Protein backbone atom coordinates (compact mmCIF):
# COMPACT_ATOMS: atom_id res chain seq x y z
CA MET A 1 147.14 14.69 93.58
CA ASP A 2 149.11 12.81 95.92
CA ASN A 3 151.43 11.82 92.91
CA ILE A 4 152.41 15.11 91.56
CA PRO A 5 155.50 16.70 93.06
CA LEU A 6 155.32 19.64 95.06
CA SER A 7 157.96 21.80 92.71
CA PHE A 8 155.39 21.32 90.33
CA LEU A 9 152.76 22.29 92.33
CA PHE A 10 154.65 25.74 93.87
CA THR A 11 155.59 26.29 90.25
CA ALA A 12 151.73 26.18 89.16
CA LEU A 13 150.84 27.98 91.93
CA ALA A 14 153.64 30.86 91.33
CA VAL A 15 152.48 30.91 87.57
CA LEU A 16 148.79 31.28 88.64
CA LEU A 17 149.76 34.22 91.33
CA LEU A 18 151.60 35.86 88.25
CA CYS A 19 148.16 35.67 85.93
CA SER A 20 146.09 37.05 89.01
CA ALA A 21 148.61 39.75 88.97
CA PHE A 22 148.40 40.73 85.36
CA PHE A 23 144.52 40.88 85.69
CA SER A 24 144.83 42.63 88.54
CA GLY A 25 147.34 45.08 87.03
CA SER A 26 145.05 45.49 83.86
CA GLU A 27 142.59 46.23 85.36
CA THR A 28 143.53 49.25 86.77
CA ALA A 29 145.32 50.63 83.92
CA LEU A 30 142.47 50.59 81.59
CA MET A 31 140.70 52.26 84.07
CA ALA A 32 143.05 55.00 85.07
CA ILE A 33 144.45 55.42 81.60
CA ASN A 34 143.92 59.03 79.92
CA ARG A 35 141.11 58.51 76.73
CA TYR A 36 142.46 61.48 74.94
CA ARG A 37 145.90 60.34 75.03
CA LEU A 38 144.78 56.93 74.55
CA LEU A 39 142.56 58.03 71.42
CA HIS A 40 145.68 60.05 69.95
CA LEU A 41 147.86 56.71 70.16
CA ALA A 42 144.87 54.92 68.39
CA ARG A 43 144.73 57.99 65.78
CA GLU A 44 148.38 57.25 64.97
CA GLY A 45 148.14 53.62 64.77
CA ASN A 46 149.30 52.06 67.96
CA ARG A 47 148.02 48.18 67.65
CA GLY A 48 147.83 48.32 71.35
CA ALA A 49 145.72 51.50 71.89
CA ILE A 50 143.53 50.67 69.20
CA LEU A 51 142.95 46.88 71.02
CA ALA A 52 142.57 48.75 74.21
CA GLN A 53 140.40 51.16 73.03
CA LYS A 54 137.77 48.84 71.74
CA LEU A 55 137.80 47.18 75.21
CA LEU A 56 137.27 50.47 76.56
CA GLU A 57 133.88 50.81 74.24
CA GLN A 58 132.49 48.04 76.37
CA PRO A 59 133.93 48.00 79.92
CA ASP A 60 130.91 45.56 81.57
CA ARG A 61 132.55 42.85 78.98
CA LEU A 62 136.35 44.12 80.10
CA ILE A 63 135.12 43.81 84.30
CA GLY A 64 133.51 40.55 83.23
CA VAL A 65 136.28 38.86 81.21
CA ILE A 66 139.16 40.39 83.87
CA LEU A 67 136.88 38.98 86.96
CA LEU A 68 136.34 35.92 85.34
CA GLY A 69 140.17 35.08 84.88
CA ASN A 70 141.46 36.65 88.25
CA ASN A 71 138.68 34.70 90.00
CA PHE A 72 139.74 31.51 88.25
CA VAL A 73 143.17 31.74 88.86
CA ASN A 74 143.18 32.84 92.19
CA ILE A 75 140.38 29.72 93.38
CA LEU A 76 142.41 27.53 91.27
CA ALA A 77 145.64 28.63 93.43
CA THR A 78 144.36 28.44 96.33
CA SER A 79 142.88 24.95 96.02
CA LEU A 80 146.68 23.79 94.58
CA ALA A 81 147.97 25.29 98.13
CA THR A 82 146.14 23.85 100.20
CA VAL A 83 147.47 20.73 98.43
CA ALA A 84 150.64 21.22 98.72
CA PHE A 85 150.17 22.37 102.54
CA VAL A 86 147.81 19.68 103.32
CA ARG A 87 150.72 17.27 102.16
CA MET A 88 153.67 19.23 103.68
CA LEU A 89 152.06 19.68 107.34
CA GLY A 90 148.92 17.41 107.55
CA GLU A 91 145.84 18.93 109.03
CA ALA A 92 147.24 22.24 110.03
CA GLY A 93 147.50 22.65 105.79
CA PRO A 94 144.61 24.12 104.90
CA LEU A 95 144.67 27.12 107.82
CA VAL A 96 148.33 27.65 106.99
CA ALA A 97 147.65 28.00 103.01
CA THR A 98 144.64 30.54 103.67
CA ILE A 99 146.76 32.51 105.75
CA VAL A 100 149.90 32.29 103.47
CA LEU A 101 148.44 32.76 100.04
CA THR A 102 146.15 35.39 101.58
CA ALA A 103 149.31 37.60 102.20
CA ILE A 104 150.70 36.60 98.94
CA VAL A 105 148.18 37.46 96.92
CA LEU A 106 147.31 40.63 98.07
CA ILE A 107 150.81 42.28 98.32
CA PHE A 108 151.55 40.19 94.84
CA SER A 109 148.75 39.50 93.25
CA GLU A 110 146.83 42.74 94.18
CA VAL A 111 148.58 46.04 96.02
CA ALA A 112 151.65 45.73 94.16
CA PRO A 113 150.79 45.51 90.47
CA LYS A 114 147.57 47.69 90.90
CA THR A 115 150.24 50.46 92.36
CA LEU A 116 152.17 49.56 89.85
CA ALA A 117 149.32 49.98 87.13
CA ALA A 118 148.48 53.27 88.62
CA PHE A 119 151.73 55.11 88.28
CA ASN A 120 152.25 53.81 84.54
CA PRO A 121 148.84 53.16 82.72
CA GLU A 122 149.88 53.41 79.41
CA ARG A 123 153.01 51.19 79.98
CA VAL A 124 150.80 48.11 81.36
CA ALA A 125 147.57 48.74 79.60
CA LEU A 126 148.44 48.85 75.88
CA PRO A 127 150.55 45.57 76.37
CA ALA A 128 147.91 44.14 78.30
CA ALA A 129 145.38 44.98 75.22
CA PHE A 130 146.62 42.40 72.94
CA VAL A 131 146.22 38.98 75.45
CA LEU A 132 142.84 40.64 76.99
CA TYR A 133 141.56 41.50 73.28
CA PRO A 134 141.30 37.53 72.17
CA LEU A 135 140.67 36.49 75.23
CA LEU A 136 137.53 38.03 75.40
CA LYS A 137 136.69 36.92 71.84
CA GLY A 138 137.23 33.31 73.25
CA LEU A 139 135.88 33.76 76.26
CA TYR A 140 132.86 35.82 75.33
CA PRO A 141 129.69 33.43 75.45
CA VAL A 142 130.55 32.89 79.30
CA VAL A 143 131.27 36.51 79.61
CA ARG A 144 127.74 36.96 78.13
CA VAL A 145 126.54 34.96 80.52
CA ILE A 146 127.88 36.04 83.90
CA ASN A 147 127.31 39.89 82.24
CA GLU A 148 123.64 38.85 81.93
CA LEU A 149 123.36 37.41 85.18
CA ALA A 150 124.82 40.11 86.75
CA GLY A 151 122.18 42.87 84.55
CA LEU A 152 119.20 40.88 86.23
CA VAL A 153 120.77 42.36 89.74
CA LEU A 154 121.72 45.55 88.00
CA ARG A 155 117.78 46.19 87.32
CA ILE A 156 116.56 45.38 90.35
CA PHE A 157 118.53 48.76 91.22
CA GLY A 158 117.03 50.70 88.66
CA HIS A 159 120.48 50.26 85.95
CA LYS A 160 119.81 49.25 82.42
CA PRO A 161 122.81 46.89 81.74
CA GLY A 162 124.54 48.60 77.97
CA GLU A 163 123.65 51.83 79.40
CA GLN A 164 126.39 54.48 79.38
CA VAL A 165 126.47 57.90 80.81
CA GLU A 166 127.85 60.45 77.99
CA GLN A 167 131.25 62.26 79.94
CA ALA A 168 131.97 64.58 77.58
CA LEU A 169 134.42 67.37 79.13
CA SER A 170 132.57 70.37 80.33
CA GLN A 171 134.32 74.28 79.74
CA ALA A 172 135.16 74.37 83.72
CA GLU A 173 137.18 70.62 83.90
CA LEU A 174 138.56 71.58 80.55
CA ARG A 175 140.07 74.87 81.99
CA THR A 176 140.85 72.90 85.43
CA LEU A 177 142.39 69.97 82.97
CA LEU A 178 144.93 73.23 81.52
CA GLN A 179 145.72 74.67 84.76
CA GLU A 180 146.31 71.64 86.04
CA GLY A 181 147.55 68.63 84.07
CA GLY A 182 149.09 70.94 80.70
CA GLN A 183 153.05 71.03 82.10
CA MET A 184 154.02 69.75 78.65
CA ILE A 185 152.05 73.08 77.32
CA PRO A 186 154.10 76.22 77.14
CA ASP A 187 153.29 78.57 79.64
CA GLY A 188 152.35 81.06 76.99
CA HIS A 189 150.42 78.75 75.16
CA ARG A 190 148.22 77.70 77.95
CA ARG A 191 147.51 81.28 78.80
CA MET A 192 145.92 81.58 75.29
CA LEU A 193 143.92 78.43 75.54
CA LEU A 194 142.33 79.49 78.64
CA ASN A 195 142.15 83.08 77.49
CA ILE A 196 139.94 81.19 74.19
CA LEU A 197 137.75 80.02 76.61
CA ALA A 198 137.48 82.91 78.87
CA LEU A 199 136.64 84.42 75.90
CA GLU A 200 133.00 82.50 75.78
CA GLU A 201 131.82 83.76 78.92
CA ALA A 202 132.28 87.95 77.72
CA ARG A 203 130.58 90.20 75.77
CA VAL A 204 131.43 93.57 73.55
CA GLU A 205 130.36 95.76 76.61
CA ASP A 206 133.27 94.10 79.20
CA ILE A 207 136.34 95.25 76.49
CA MET A 208 134.70 98.07 74.57
CA VAL A 209 136.42 101.61 74.55
CA PRO A 210 133.57 103.51 76.25
CA ARG A 211 131.27 106.71 74.72
CA SER A 212 133.91 108.94 76.95
CA GLU A 213 136.84 107.94 75.71
CA ILE A 214 136.26 107.67 71.94
CA SER A 215 137.89 110.44 69.41
CA GLY A 216 137.35 111.00 66.02
CA ILE A 217 137.61 113.24 63.08
CA ASP A 218 134.68 116.14 63.17
CA LEU A 219 133.76 117.26 59.72
CA ASP A 220 132.29 120.32 61.31
CA ASP A 221 135.64 121.52 62.26
CA THR A 222 138.03 123.46 60.27
CA PRO A 223 140.26 122.15 56.95
CA THR A 224 143.25 122.94 59.60
CA GLU A 225 141.74 121.43 63.00
CA ILE A 226 140.95 118.44 60.56
CA MET A 227 144.70 118.19 60.10
CA ALA A 228 146.02 118.83 63.58
CA ALA A 229 143.19 115.70 64.66
CA LEU A 230 144.74 113.29 61.82
CA LEU A 231 148.42 114.03 63.05
CA ARG A 232 147.91 113.09 66.78
CA PHE A 233 145.64 110.29 66.08
CA PRO A 234 147.30 107.29 67.49
CA TYR A 235 145.66 104.79 64.80
CA SER A 236 145.06 103.69 61.72
CA ARG A 237 141.38 103.89 61.38
CA ALA A 238 138.91 106.47 62.56
CA ILE A 239 135.25 107.19 62.92
CA VAL A 240 133.89 110.42 61.46
CA TYR A 241 131.08 112.42 62.95
CA ARG A 242 129.37 115.98 62.15
CA GLY A 243 129.35 117.91 64.85
CA SER A 244 128.31 115.48 67.71
CA ILE A 245 129.46 112.15 68.65
CA ASP A 246 126.26 110.88 68.50
CA GLN A 247 125.87 111.67 64.32
CA VAL A 248 128.36 109.33 62.75
CA VAL A 249 128.53 109.39 59.38
CA GLY A 250 131.53 106.68 58.74
CA THR A 251 134.80 105.55 59.40
CA VAL A 252 138.17 106.07 57.77
CA ASN A 253 141.23 104.24 57.30
CA LEU A 254 144.02 106.76 57.98
CA ARG A 255 146.46 105.17 55.65
CA SER A 256 144.37 106.42 52.53
CA LEU A 257 145.05 110.17 53.69
CA VAL A 258 148.40 109.65 54.22
CA ASP A 259 149.07 111.86 51.12
CA PHE A 260 147.22 114.70 52.69
CA ARG A 261 148.74 114.37 56.00
CA ARG A 262 152.08 114.80 54.17
CA GLY A 263 151.35 118.30 53.55
CA GLU A 264 148.45 119.13 51.01
CA GLN A 265 145.37 120.84 51.77
CA LEU A 266 142.67 118.27 53.92
CA THR A 267 138.96 119.28 53.78
CA ALA A 268 135.19 117.28 55.33
CA ALA A 269 135.06 116.41 51.32
CA MET A 270 137.75 114.74 50.42
CA ILE A 271 137.80 112.97 53.53
CA GLU A 272 133.99 112.32 53.10
CA LYS A 273 135.29 110.53 49.39
CA HIS A 274 137.46 107.82 51.88
CA LEU A 275 134.37 106.84 53.96
CA ARG A 276 133.11 103.74 55.06
CA LYS A 277 129.41 102.55 56.14
CA PRO A 278 129.75 103.02 59.86
CA TYR A 279 129.71 99.27 61.51
CA PHE A 280 126.97 99.17 64.38
CA ILE A 281 126.70 96.51 66.93
CA PRO A 282 124.80 95.21 70.31
CA GLU A 283 126.95 95.72 73.20
CA SER A 284 125.57 92.22 74.33
CA THR A 285 127.33 90.40 71.58
CA ARG A 286 129.54 87.73 72.56
CA LEU A 287 133.17 88.14 71.77
CA PRO A 288 134.07 85.16 70.11
CA GLN A 289 130.49 85.69 67.87
CA GLN A 290 131.75 89.22 67.28
CA LEU A 291 135.19 87.85 65.91
CA LEU A 292 133.57 85.59 63.74
CA GLN A 293 131.62 88.80 62.11
CA PHE A 294 134.59 90.71 61.58
CA GLN A 295 136.00 88.39 59.43
CA ARG A 296 132.66 87.61 57.56
CA LEU A 297 132.45 91.27 57.02
CA LYS A 298 136.51 92.25 56.52
CA ARG A 299 135.69 94.61 59.36
CA ARG A 300 138.20 96.08 62.07
CA MET A 301 136.71 98.39 63.70
CA ALA A 302 132.69 98.56 65.33
CA LEU A 303 130.51 101.05 66.70
CA VAL A 304 128.51 99.61 70.16
CA VAL A 305 125.04 100.77 70.46
CA ASP A 306 123.10 99.87 73.53
CA GLU A 307 119.37 98.67 73.32
CA TYR A 308 117.77 102.36 72.66
CA GLY A 309 120.01 102.30 69.91
CA ASP A 310 122.16 105.01 71.68
CA LEU A 311 126.51 105.15 71.17
CA VAL A 312 127.84 103.64 74.02
CA GLY A 313 131.98 102.46 72.79
CA LEU A 314 133.61 101.42 70.13
CA ILE A 315 135.75 97.90 69.34
CA THR A 316 137.94 96.62 67.47
CA VAL A 317 139.32 93.14 66.04
CA ALA A 318 142.52 94.61 67.83
CA ASP A 319 140.61 94.44 71.32
CA ILE A 320 139.70 91.13 71.41
CA LEU A 321 142.71 89.74 69.70
CA GLU A 322 144.31 91.22 72.83
CA GLU A 323 141.83 89.08 75.22
CA ILE A 324 143.52 85.93 73.64
CA VAL A 325 146.89 86.74 73.52
CA GLY A 326 147.46 89.71 75.65
CA ASP A 327 148.54 93.03 74.89
CA PHE A 328 150.37 93.91 72.21
CA THR A 329 149.43 97.26 71.71
CA THR A 330 152.16 100.07 70.34
CA THR A 331 150.39 103.00 71.93
CA PRO A 332 152.71 104.78 74.20
CA GLY A 333 151.68 104.27 77.78
CA GLU A 334 148.57 102.18 77.10
CA ASP A 335 149.74 99.89 80.26
CA THR A 336 150.51 102.81 82.81
CA ARG A 337 147.74 104.44 81.94
CA TRP A 338 145.41 101.58 83.49
CA ILE A 339 147.29 100.02 85.55
CA HIS A 340 150.63 101.22 88.13
CA HIS A 341 152.59 98.86 90.63
CA ASP A 342 153.82 99.82 93.84
CA ARG A 343 156.84 98.19 95.58
CA ASP A 344 155.08 96.62 98.33
CA GLY A 345 152.43 95.23 96.06
CA VAL A 346 150.27 97.53 96.01
CA VAL A 347 148.35 98.05 92.64
CA ARG A 348 146.75 101.56 91.86
CA VAL A 349 144.02 101.34 89.18
CA ASP A 350 141.99 103.41 87.05
CA GLY A 351 138.44 103.07 87.73
CA ARG A 352 137.55 103.23 84.31
CA ILE A 353 139.35 99.86 83.17
CA PRO A 354 136.81 97.04 82.24
CA VAL A 355 136.64 94.40 85.14
CA HIS A 356 137.06 92.03 82.33
CA SER A 357 140.44 93.31 81.02
CA LEU A 358 141.68 93.91 84.81
CA ASN A 359 141.15 90.49 85.33
CA ARG A 360 142.92 89.31 82.51
CA ARG A 361 145.82 91.42 83.28
CA LEU A 362 146.22 90.56 87.07
CA GLU A 363 144.98 87.19 86.63
CA TRP A 364 142.33 88.23 89.50
CA ASP A 365 139.36 87.13 89.86
CA LEU A 366 137.15 90.10 90.46
CA PRO A 367 133.37 89.57 89.81
CA THR A 368 132.46 90.52 86.22
CA ASP A 369 128.43 90.11 86.08
CA ALA A 370 127.94 93.19 88.55
CA ALA A 371 129.33 96.17 87.07
CA ARG A 372 131.32 96.39 83.52
CA THR A 373 134.09 98.89 85.23
CA LEU A 374 135.73 99.15 88.25
CA SER A 375 133.97 102.14 89.23
CA GLY A 376 130.62 100.54 88.63
CA LEU A 377 131.89 97.60 90.67
CA ILE A 378 132.86 99.73 93.94
CA VAL A 379 129.58 101.66 92.90
CA ASN A 380 127.30 98.28 92.80
CA GLU A 381 129.36 97.11 96.39
CA LEU A 382 128.83 100.60 98.09
CA GLU A 383 125.13 100.74 96.83
CA GLU A 384 125.93 104.84 96.67
CA LEU A 385 128.02 107.24 94.77
CA PRO A 386 131.47 106.68 96.38
CA SER A 387 133.62 109.51 97.95
CA THR A 388 137.87 110.19 98.19
CA GLY A 389 138.91 107.91 101.19
CA ASP A 390 135.70 105.21 101.26
CA GLU A 391 137.42 101.70 101.53
CA LEU A 392 135.51 98.32 101.24
CA SER A 393 136.85 94.69 100.08
CA ILE A 394 135.69 92.37 97.00
CA GLU A 395 135.76 88.70 96.98
CA GLY A 396 138.79 89.18 99.26
CA TYR A 397 140.47 92.50 97.56
CA GLN A 398 140.94 95.37 100.09
CA MET A 399 140.15 98.74 98.05
CA LYS A 400 140.51 102.38 98.92
CA VAL A 401 138.55 105.30 97.00
CA GLU A 402 142.04 107.71 96.19
CA GLU A 403 140.11 110.07 93.63
CA VAL A 404 136.47 110.90 92.33
CA ARG A 405 135.64 113.14 89.50
CA ASP A 406 132.26 113.82 87.76
CA ASN A 407 131.06 111.21 90.02
CA VAL A 408 133.44 108.21 88.60
CA VAL A 409 136.35 106.60 90.33
CA ARG A 410 139.14 107.46 88.69
CA LYS A 411 142.13 106.30 91.52
CA VAL A 412 141.71 102.78 93.41
CA ARG A 413 144.38 101.42 95.91
CA ILE A 414 144.11 97.37 95.62
CA GLU A 415 145.78 94.97 97.62
CA ARG A 416 144.96 91.76 98.03
CA SER A 417 144.71 89.70 100.97
CA VAL A 418 147.42 86.85 101.67
CA ALA A 419 144.68 84.38 101.02
CA GLN A 420 143.95 85.26 97.41
CA GLU A 421 147.51 85.68 96.81
CA ALA A 422 147.69 82.10 98.05
């Protein structure tokens, strides 16, 4: 090597350092690239993404070829640097070469390219795949030998080479991904996606209209009373019963009675002609399943029964859809009926509101496993029937009972702690 010009040695050294930077950056980029973004690009026919995906299918081989290339160029660079500095400085050459090359490799072939790749994994990984893929094919015999030897070491620690742990996203991880990494998704769309995920955890009993608030048409009433009830009924469908809400005989679409509502005399017998058989469901049914059942059976309303078969509530398709898209009801005063916001940040809430609905409307996180309604949650926390003026704290929410009627909390004053608001 004494006859090789120093200019050639330093040029070769620079090329080797660039190769080292390429291998270092490629490794970081391929390990850091968004796998779902990569899958999307591959499905669109991006050649670099397709090659990168093939490389990542066998990470042991990918790491093997990258480390093989990186170590080869680094060792060769060290040899050339030592020769060059020995010719320039004599016996001090090896020491100087070690110090200088360590600094250069660390800065220009490790830290800088890996930092660049970490911030721009896609821009680095896709072009790099065009080099690494054929390189892996050409060096496969060598890489395989290296991986087999490494596999012997891994077996000592109980790991089987080639064994990969399935890393599918859990529901909680997907929720975090939407919350933290969905800047490109409009806020409204992101909220709907999060609501869909939350729907899996909710049951019919969490959002149903409770029995005490169900209104309908009593066939035992006089025609005048029936007509008056129809004219003030705010919904398009109603349940029909005889004498008691427990004696439901069916449901009726009020649009089918429109001619009678315009002035003709309406009797119970006429209503019975338009009745549809009541549809009963258990209160424990999960909301996604119930939505599918509504679709399959072409129904829009269901009566909810408990384990004893007693009527406990009512639910409609609109109730479930509101859990996804938010409130879209046109019923006057529906929003202020349950929740009233004061100027000082205090919220006054009807204690009969389902906790699940309260959390969705205000983006709170009150516990939903202890009770269905806010009143029930307060009773569960106090372990006794509440009285006006009772104060308590639940998960950082400061509550004061302002009205109790018939052993049910009707009004609650709620203020979030500073930590909760943050």
